[in-house]
């Protein structure tokens, strides 16, 4: 049974939903969601730890005065995931930053309407 069919989903603060299921505005949001679910299923952290990390990130955003209109929810999700992955020793900040930069470079070199792939950032034009 995946996390989507479990009561743990109800513990997620402010999760955008439609008919009880999570909704995503962009593909990366679904991928970040799936990564958190998969890492939890693999035992790298409990879902309770995940919900607490996300709640802390959302609270930090509120403390910074960021509006709670849902538009930045998955940005907070990703920030919480990066913090938890780092805290659990699954990656380090430098590796995460390098991967972000590689994806940004690939995005800049991908023609409009085409899927972004990491190899796109390394090809010569």
N, C-alpha and C. Protein backbone atom coordinates (compact mmCIF):
# COMPACT_ATOMS: atom_id res chain seq x y z
N UNK A 1 0.85 -1.18 0.00
CA UNK A 1 0.00 0.00 0.00
C UNK A 1 0.89 1.24 0.00
N UNK A 2 0.65 2.15 -0.89
CA UNK A 2 1.45 3.38 -0.92
C UNK A 2 0.91 4.36 0.10
N UNK A 3 1.69 5.40 0.32
CA UNK A 3 1.30 6.44 1.29
C UNK A 3 -0.01 7.12 0.89
N UNK A 4 -0.29 7.14 -0.42
CA UNK A 4 -1.51 7.80 -0.88
C UNK A 4 -2.76 7.12 -0.36
N UNK A 5 -2.66 5.84 -0.02
CA UNK A 5 -3.81 5.10 0.48
C UNK A 5 -3.81 4.98 1.99
N UNK A 6 -2.93 5.69 2.65
CA UNK A 6 -2.80 5.59 4.10
C UNK A 6 -3.31 6.84 4.78
N UNK A 7 -3.64 6.71 6.06
CA UNK A 7 -4.08 7.87 6.82
C UNK A 7 -2.99 8.91 7.01
N UNK A 8 -1.69 8.54 6.81
CA UNK A 8 -0.60 9.48 6.99
C UNK A 8 -0.76 10.71 6.08
N UNK A 9 -1.39 10.53 4.94
CA UNK A 9 -1.58 11.64 4.01
C UNK A 9 -2.36 12.77 4.68
N UNK A 10 -3.26 12.41 5.57
CA UNK A 10 -4.06 13.41 6.27
C UNK A 10 -3.20 14.27 7.20
N UNK A 11 -2.02 13.77 7.58
CA UNK A 11 -1.15 14.50 8.50
C UNK A 11 -0.37 15.61 7.80
N UNK A 12 -0.41 15.67 6.48
CA UNK A 12 0.35 16.68 5.76
C UNK A 12 -0.36 18.02 5.81
N UNK A 13 0.34 19.03 6.31
CA UNK A 13 -0.30 20.34 6.40
C UNK A 13 -0.48 20.98 5.02
N UNK A 14 -1.67 21.48 4.77
CA UNK A 14 -1.97 22.30 3.58
C UNK A 14 -1.75 21.62 2.24
N UNK A 15 -1.74 20.30 2.18
CA UNK A 15 -1.51 19.60 0.92
C UNK A 15 -2.61 19.96 -0.08
N UNK A 16 -2.23 20.51 -1.26
CA UNK A 16 -3.26 20.80 -2.28
C UNK A 16 -3.93 19.51 -2.71
N UNK A 17 -5.26 19.49 -2.71
CA UNK A 17 -6.00 18.27 -3.02
C UNK A 17 -7.18 18.57 -3.94
N UNK A 18 -7.58 17.52 -4.64
CA UNK A 18 -8.81 17.53 -5.41
C UNK A 18 -9.43 16.16 -5.22
N UNK A 19 -10.62 16.14 -4.65
CA UNK A 19 -11.31 14.88 -4.33
C UNK A 19 -10.43 13.98 -3.46
N UNK A 20 -9.70 14.60 -2.53
CA UNK A 20 -8.89 13.85 -1.58
C UNK A 20 -7.51 13.45 -2.07
N UNK A 21 -7.23 13.63 -3.35
CA UNK A 21 -5.93 13.25 -3.92
C UNK A 21 -5.06 14.49 -4.09
N UNK A 22 -3.73 14.32 -3.97
CA UNK A 22 -2.85 15.47 -4.18
C UNK A 22 -2.93 15.97 -5.62
N UNK A 23 -2.78 17.26 -5.79
CA UNK A 23 -2.76 17.86 -7.13
C UNK A 23 -1.44 18.62 -7.30
N UNK A 24 -1.00 18.69 -8.55
CA UNK A 24 0.29 19.30 -8.87
C UNK A 24 0.11 20.25 -10.05
N UNK A 25 0.79 21.40 -9.97
CA UNK A 25 0.74 22.38 -11.06
C UNK A 25 1.82 22.11 -12.09
N UNK A 26 2.90 21.48 -11.68
CA UNK A 26 4.05 21.23 -12.55
C UNK A 26 4.55 19.81 -12.32
N UNK A 27 5.17 19.20 -13.31
CA UNK A 27 5.70 17.85 -13.15
C UNK A 27 6.70 17.71 -12.00
N UNK A 28 7.53 18.74 -11.78
CA UNK A 28 8.53 18.64 -10.72
C UNK A 28 7.86 18.50 -9.35
N UNK A 29 6.68 19.07 -9.19
CA UNK A 29 5.98 18.94 -7.91
C UNK A 29 5.61 17.49 -7.64
N UNK A 30 5.11 16.81 -8.66
CA UNK A 30 4.77 15.39 -8.51
C UNK A 30 6.02 14.57 -8.24
N UNK A 31 7.12 14.92 -8.88
CA UNK A 31 8.36 14.19 -8.67
C UNK A 31 8.88 14.39 -7.25
N UNK A 32 8.82 15.62 -6.74
CA UNK A 32 9.25 15.88 -5.36
C UNK A 32 8.35 15.13 -4.37
N UNK A 33 7.06 15.13 -4.65
CA UNK A 33 6.11 14.39 -3.81
C UNK A 33 6.47 12.91 -3.81
N UNK A 34 6.68 12.35 -5.00
CA UNK A 34 6.99 10.93 -5.12
C UNK A 34 8.31 10.57 -4.45
N UNK A 35 9.28 11.46 -4.53
CA UNK A 35 10.57 11.19 -3.90
C UNK A 35 10.42 11.12 -2.38
N UNK A 36 9.68 12.03 -1.81
CA UNK A 36 9.46 12.00 -0.36
C UNK A 36 8.73 10.72 0.04
N UNK A 37 7.72 10.34 -0.72
CA UNK A 37 6.98 9.11 -0.43
C UNK A 37 7.92 7.90 -0.51
N UNK A 38 8.69 7.83 -1.58
CA UNK A 38 9.59 6.68 -1.79
C UNK A 38 10.65 6.58 -0.71
N UNK A 39 11.27 7.69 -0.35
CA UNK A 39 12.29 7.66 0.70
C UNK A 39 11.70 7.22 2.03
N UNK A 40 10.48 7.64 2.30
CA UNK A 40 9.80 7.21 3.52
C UNK A 40 9.49 5.71 3.46
N UNK A 41 8.99 5.26 2.33
CA UNK A 41 8.68 3.83 2.17
C UNK A 41 9.94 2.97 2.31
N UNK A 42 11.08 3.50 1.90
CA UNK A 42 12.34 2.76 2.01
C UNK A 42 12.92 2.81 3.41
N UNK A 43 12.29 3.56 4.32
CA UNK A 43 12.72 3.60 5.70
C UNK A 43 13.77 4.64 6.03
N UNK A 44 14.02 5.58 5.13
CA UNK A 44 15.01 6.62 5.40
C UNK A 44 14.52 7.62 6.44
N UNK A 45 13.21 7.79 6.51
CA UNK A 45 12.59 8.59 7.56
C UNK A 45 11.14 8.15 7.65
N UNK A 46 10.54 8.40 8.81
CA UNK A 46 9.13 8.04 8.99
C UNK A 46 8.26 9.13 8.38
N UNK A 47 7.02 8.78 8.12
CA UNK A 47 6.12 9.78 7.59
C UNK A 47 5.84 10.86 8.63
N UNK A 48 5.88 10.47 9.89
CA UNK A 48 5.71 11.46 10.96
C UNK A 48 6.88 12.45 10.95
N UNK A 49 8.10 11.97 10.73
CA UNK A 49 9.26 12.87 10.61
C UNK A 49 9.08 13.80 9.41
N UNK A 50 8.58 13.22 8.30
CA UNK A 50 8.38 14.03 7.10
C UNK A 50 7.36 15.13 7.35
N UNK A 51 6.23 14.77 7.95
CA UNK A 51 5.19 15.75 8.22
C UNK A 51 5.71 16.85 9.14
N UNK A 52 6.53 16.49 10.12
CA UNK A 52 7.09 17.48 11.04
C UNK A 52 8.07 18.41 10.30
N UNK A 53 8.89 17.85 9.40
CA UNK A 53 9.84 18.67 8.64
C UNK A 53 9.09 19.65 7.74
N UNK A 54 8.04 19.17 7.09
CA UNK A 54 7.25 20.04 6.22
C UNK A 54 6.53 21.12 7.03
N UNK A 55 5.98 20.73 8.16
CA UNK A 55 5.29 21.71 9.01
C UNK A 55 6.27 22.78 9.48
N UNK A 56 7.49 22.38 9.81
CA UNK A 56 8.50 23.35 10.25
C UNK A 56 8.86 24.30 9.12
N UNK A 57 8.96 23.78 7.91
CA UNK A 57 9.28 24.63 6.76
C UNK A 57 8.14 25.61 6.48
N UNK A 58 6.91 25.13 6.55
CA UNK A 58 5.76 26.01 6.34
C UNK A 58 5.67 27.08 7.42
N UNK A 59 5.99 26.71 8.66
CA UNK A 59 5.98 27.68 9.75
C UNK A 59 7.08 28.71 9.56
N UNK A 60 8.25 28.27 9.12
CA UNK A 60 9.35 29.21 8.87
C UNK A 60 8.96 30.21 7.78
N UNK A 61 8.28 29.73 6.75
CA UNK A 61 7.82 30.62 5.68
C UNK A 61 6.82 31.63 6.23
N UNK A 62 5.91 31.17 7.07
CA UNK A 62 4.93 32.07 7.68
C UNK A 62 5.63 33.10 8.57
N UNK A 63 6.64 32.64 9.31
CA UNK A 63 7.40 33.55 10.17
C UNK A 63 8.14 34.61 9.35
N UNK A 64 8.51 34.27 8.11
CA UNK A 64 9.16 35.24 7.22
C UNK A 64 8.15 36.16 6.55
N UNK A 65 6.86 35.92 6.81
CA UNK A 65 5.82 36.76 6.25
C UNK A 65 5.38 36.36 4.85
N UNK A 66 5.73 35.16 4.42
CA UNK A 66 5.31 34.71 3.10
C UNK A 66 3.83 34.34 3.14
N UNK A 67 3.09 34.73 2.11
CA UNK A 67 1.65 34.44 2.10
C UNK A 67 1.38 32.95 2.02
N UNK A 68 0.30 32.55 2.65
CA UNK A 68 -0.11 31.14 2.66
C UNK A 68 -1.24 30.94 1.66
N UNK A 69 -0.94 31.20 0.38
CA UNK A 69 -1.97 31.06 -0.65
C UNK A 69 -1.84 29.76 -1.44
N UNK A 70 -0.89 28.91 -1.06
CA UNK A 70 -0.72 27.61 -1.70
C UNK A 70 0.19 27.63 -2.92
N UNK A 71 0.51 28.81 -3.44
CA UNK A 71 1.30 28.88 -4.67
C UNK A 71 2.74 28.41 -4.48
N UNK A 72 3.23 28.46 -3.26
CA UNK A 72 4.62 28.07 -2.99
C UNK A 72 4.72 26.75 -2.22
N UNK A 73 3.61 26.04 -2.10
CA UNK A 73 3.58 24.84 -1.26
C UNK A 73 4.68 23.85 -1.62
N UNK A 74 4.82 23.53 -2.90
CA UNK A 74 5.82 22.53 -3.26
C UNK A 74 7.23 23.07 -3.24
N UNK A 75 7.40 24.38 -3.26
CA UNK A 75 8.73 24.94 -3.01
C UNK A 75 9.12 24.67 -1.56
N UNK A 76 8.16 24.81 -0.65
CA UNK A 76 8.41 24.49 0.75
C UNK A 76 8.61 22.99 0.93
N UNK A 77 7.85 22.21 0.18
CA UNK A 77 7.98 20.74 0.20
C UNK A 77 9.42 20.37 -0.16
N UNK A 78 9.92 20.94 -1.24
CA UNK A 78 11.27 20.64 -1.71
C UNK A 78 12.31 21.10 -0.69
N UNK A 79 12.14 22.27 -0.11
CA UNK A 79 13.08 22.75 0.91
C UNK A 79 13.11 21.81 2.11
N UNK A 80 11.94 21.35 2.54
CA UNK A 80 11.87 20.41 3.66
C UNK A 80 12.54 19.09 3.29
N UNK A 81 12.32 18.64 2.07
CA UNK A 81 12.93 17.39 1.63
C UNK A 81 14.46 17.51 1.60
N UNK A 82 14.95 18.63 1.09
CA UNK A 82 16.40 18.83 1.06
C UNK A 82 16.98 18.84 2.46
N UNK A 83 16.30 19.50 3.40
CA UNK A 83 16.78 19.54 4.78
C UNK A 83 16.80 18.15 5.40
N UNK A 84 15.74 17.40 5.19
CA UNK A 84 15.64 16.07 5.79
C UNK A 84 16.65 15.11 5.16
N UNK A 85 16.82 15.18 3.85
CA UNK A 85 17.80 14.31 3.16
C UNK A 85 19.21 14.62 3.67
N UNK A 86 19.49 15.89 3.89
CA UNK A 86 20.80 16.29 4.41
C UNK A 86 20.95 15.82 5.85
N UNK A 87 19.93 16.04 6.68
CA UNK A 87 19.99 15.65 8.09
C UNK A 87 20.17 14.14 8.25
N UNK A 88 19.60 13.37 7.34
CA UNK A 88 19.69 11.91 7.40
C UNK A 88 20.96 11.38 6.74
N UNK A 89 21.78 12.28 6.18
CA UNK A 89 23.03 11.86 5.56
C UNK A 89 22.86 11.17 4.22
N UNK A 90 21.71 11.38 3.57
CA UNK A 90 21.47 10.77 2.26
C UNK A 90 22.14 11.56 1.15
N UNK A 91 22.43 12.82 1.42
CA UNK A 91 23.14 13.68 0.48
C UNK A 91 23.72 14.82 1.29
N UNK A 92 24.45 15.69 0.63
CA UNK A 92 24.98 16.86 1.31
C UNK A 92 24.60 18.10 0.53
N UNK A 93 24.65 19.26 1.17
CA UNK A 93 24.21 20.49 0.49
C UNK A 93 24.95 20.77 -0.82
N UNK A 94 26.23 20.46 -0.88
CA UNK A 94 27.00 20.71 -2.10
C UNK A 94 26.50 19.83 -3.25
N UNK A 95 26.22 18.58 -2.96
CA UNK A 95 25.72 17.67 -4.01
C UNK A 95 24.34 18.10 -4.48
N UNK A 96 23.51 18.54 -3.55
CA UNK A 96 22.17 19.01 -3.92
C UNK A 96 22.27 20.25 -4.79
N UNK A 97 23.14 21.18 -4.41
CA UNK A 97 23.33 22.40 -5.20
C UNK A 97 23.87 22.07 -6.59
N UNK A 98 24.81 21.15 -6.67
CA UNK A 98 25.37 20.77 -7.97
C UNK A 98 24.28 20.17 -8.86
N UNK A 99 23.41 19.36 -8.28
CA UNK A 99 22.33 18.75 -9.07
C UNK A 99 21.34 19.81 -9.53
N UNK A 100 21.01 20.77 -8.66
CA UNK A 100 20.12 21.86 -9.04
C UNK A 100 20.71 22.66 -10.20
N UNK A 101 22.00 22.94 -10.10
CA UNK A 101 22.66 23.70 -11.15
C UNK A 101 22.68 22.92 -12.46
N UNK A 102 22.88 21.61 -12.39
CA UNK A 102 22.86 20.78 -13.60
C UNK A 102 21.48 20.81 -14.26
N UNK A 103 20.43 20.73 -13.45
CA UNK A 103 19.08 20.79 -14.00
C UNK A 103 18.78 22.17 -14.60
N UNK A 104 19.24 23.23 -13.92
CA UNK A 104 19.02 24.59 -14.44
C UNK A 104 19.73 24.76 -15.78
N UNK A 105 20.94 24.24 -15.88
CA UNK A 105 21.68 24.33 -17.14
C UNK A 105 20.97 23.52 -18.23
N UNK A 106 20.50 22.34 -17.88
CA UNK A 106 19.77 21.51 -18.86
C UNK A 106 18.51 22.24 -19.32
N UNK A 107 17.81 22.88 -18.39
CA UNK A 107 16.60 23.63 -18.74
C UNK A 107 16.92 24.74 -19.74
N UNK A 108 18.00 25.45 -19.48
CA UNK A 108 18.39 26.56 -20.37
C UNK A 108 18.75 26.08 -21.77
N UNK A 109 19.15 24.82 -21.91
CA UNK A 109 19.57 24.29 -23.22
C UNK A 109 18.53 23.37 -23.86
N UNK A 110 17.35 23.32 -23.29
CA UNK A 110 16.29 22.48 -23.84
C UNK A 110 15.34 23.33 -24.67
N UNK A 111 15.09 22.94 -25.91
CA UNK A 111 14.14 23.69 -26.73
C UNK A 111 12.75 23.71 -26.09
N UNK A 112 12.05 24.82 -26.28
CA UNK A 112 10.71 24.99 -25.74
C UNK A 112 9.82 23.81 -26.17
N UNK A 113 9.08 23.29 -25.21
CA UNK A 113 8.14 22.21 -25.49
C UNK A 113 8.73 20.82 -25.43
N UNK A 114 10.03 20.72 -25.27
CA UNK A 114 10.70 19.42 -25.18
C UNK A 114 10.94 19.07 -23.71
N UNK A 115 10.97 17.77 -23.40
CA UNK A 115 11.27 17.38 -22.01
C UNK A 115 12.71 17.76 -21.64
N UNK A 116 12.90 18.19 -20.42
CA UNK A 116 14.23 18.55 -19.94
C UNK A 116 14.92 17.27 -19.48
N UNK A 117 16.17 17.10 -19.91
CA UNK A 117 16.99 15.97 -19.48
C UNK A 117 18.36 16.50 -19.10
N UNK A 118 18.98 15.90 -18.13
CA UNK A 118 20.29 16.38 -17.69
C UNK A 118 21.30 16.43 -18.82
N UNK A 119 21.24 15.54 -19.76
CA UNK A 119 22.18 15.55 -20.88
C UNK A 119 22.07 16.82 -21.72
N UNK A 120 20.94 17.50 -21.66
CA UNK A 120 20.74 18.71 -22.46
C UNK A 120 21.68 19.83 -22.03
N UNK A 121 22.06 19.86 -20.79
CA UNK A 121 22.96 20.89 -20.31
C UNK A 121 24.40 20.68 -20.69
N UNK A 122 24.74 19.48 -21.13
CA UNK A 122 26.12 19.18 -21.46
C UNK A 122 26.38 19.18 -22.95
N UNK A 123 25.34 19.28 -23.75
CA UNK A 123 25.53 19.24 -25.20
C UNK A 123 25.98 20.59 -25.71
N UNK A 124 26.77 20.57 -26.76
CA UNK A 124 27.23 21.81 -27.39
C UNK A 124 26.22 22.23 -28.44
N UNK A 125 26.05 23.53 -28.61
CA UNK A 125 25.11 24.06 -29.59
C UNK A 125 25.86 24.57 -30.75
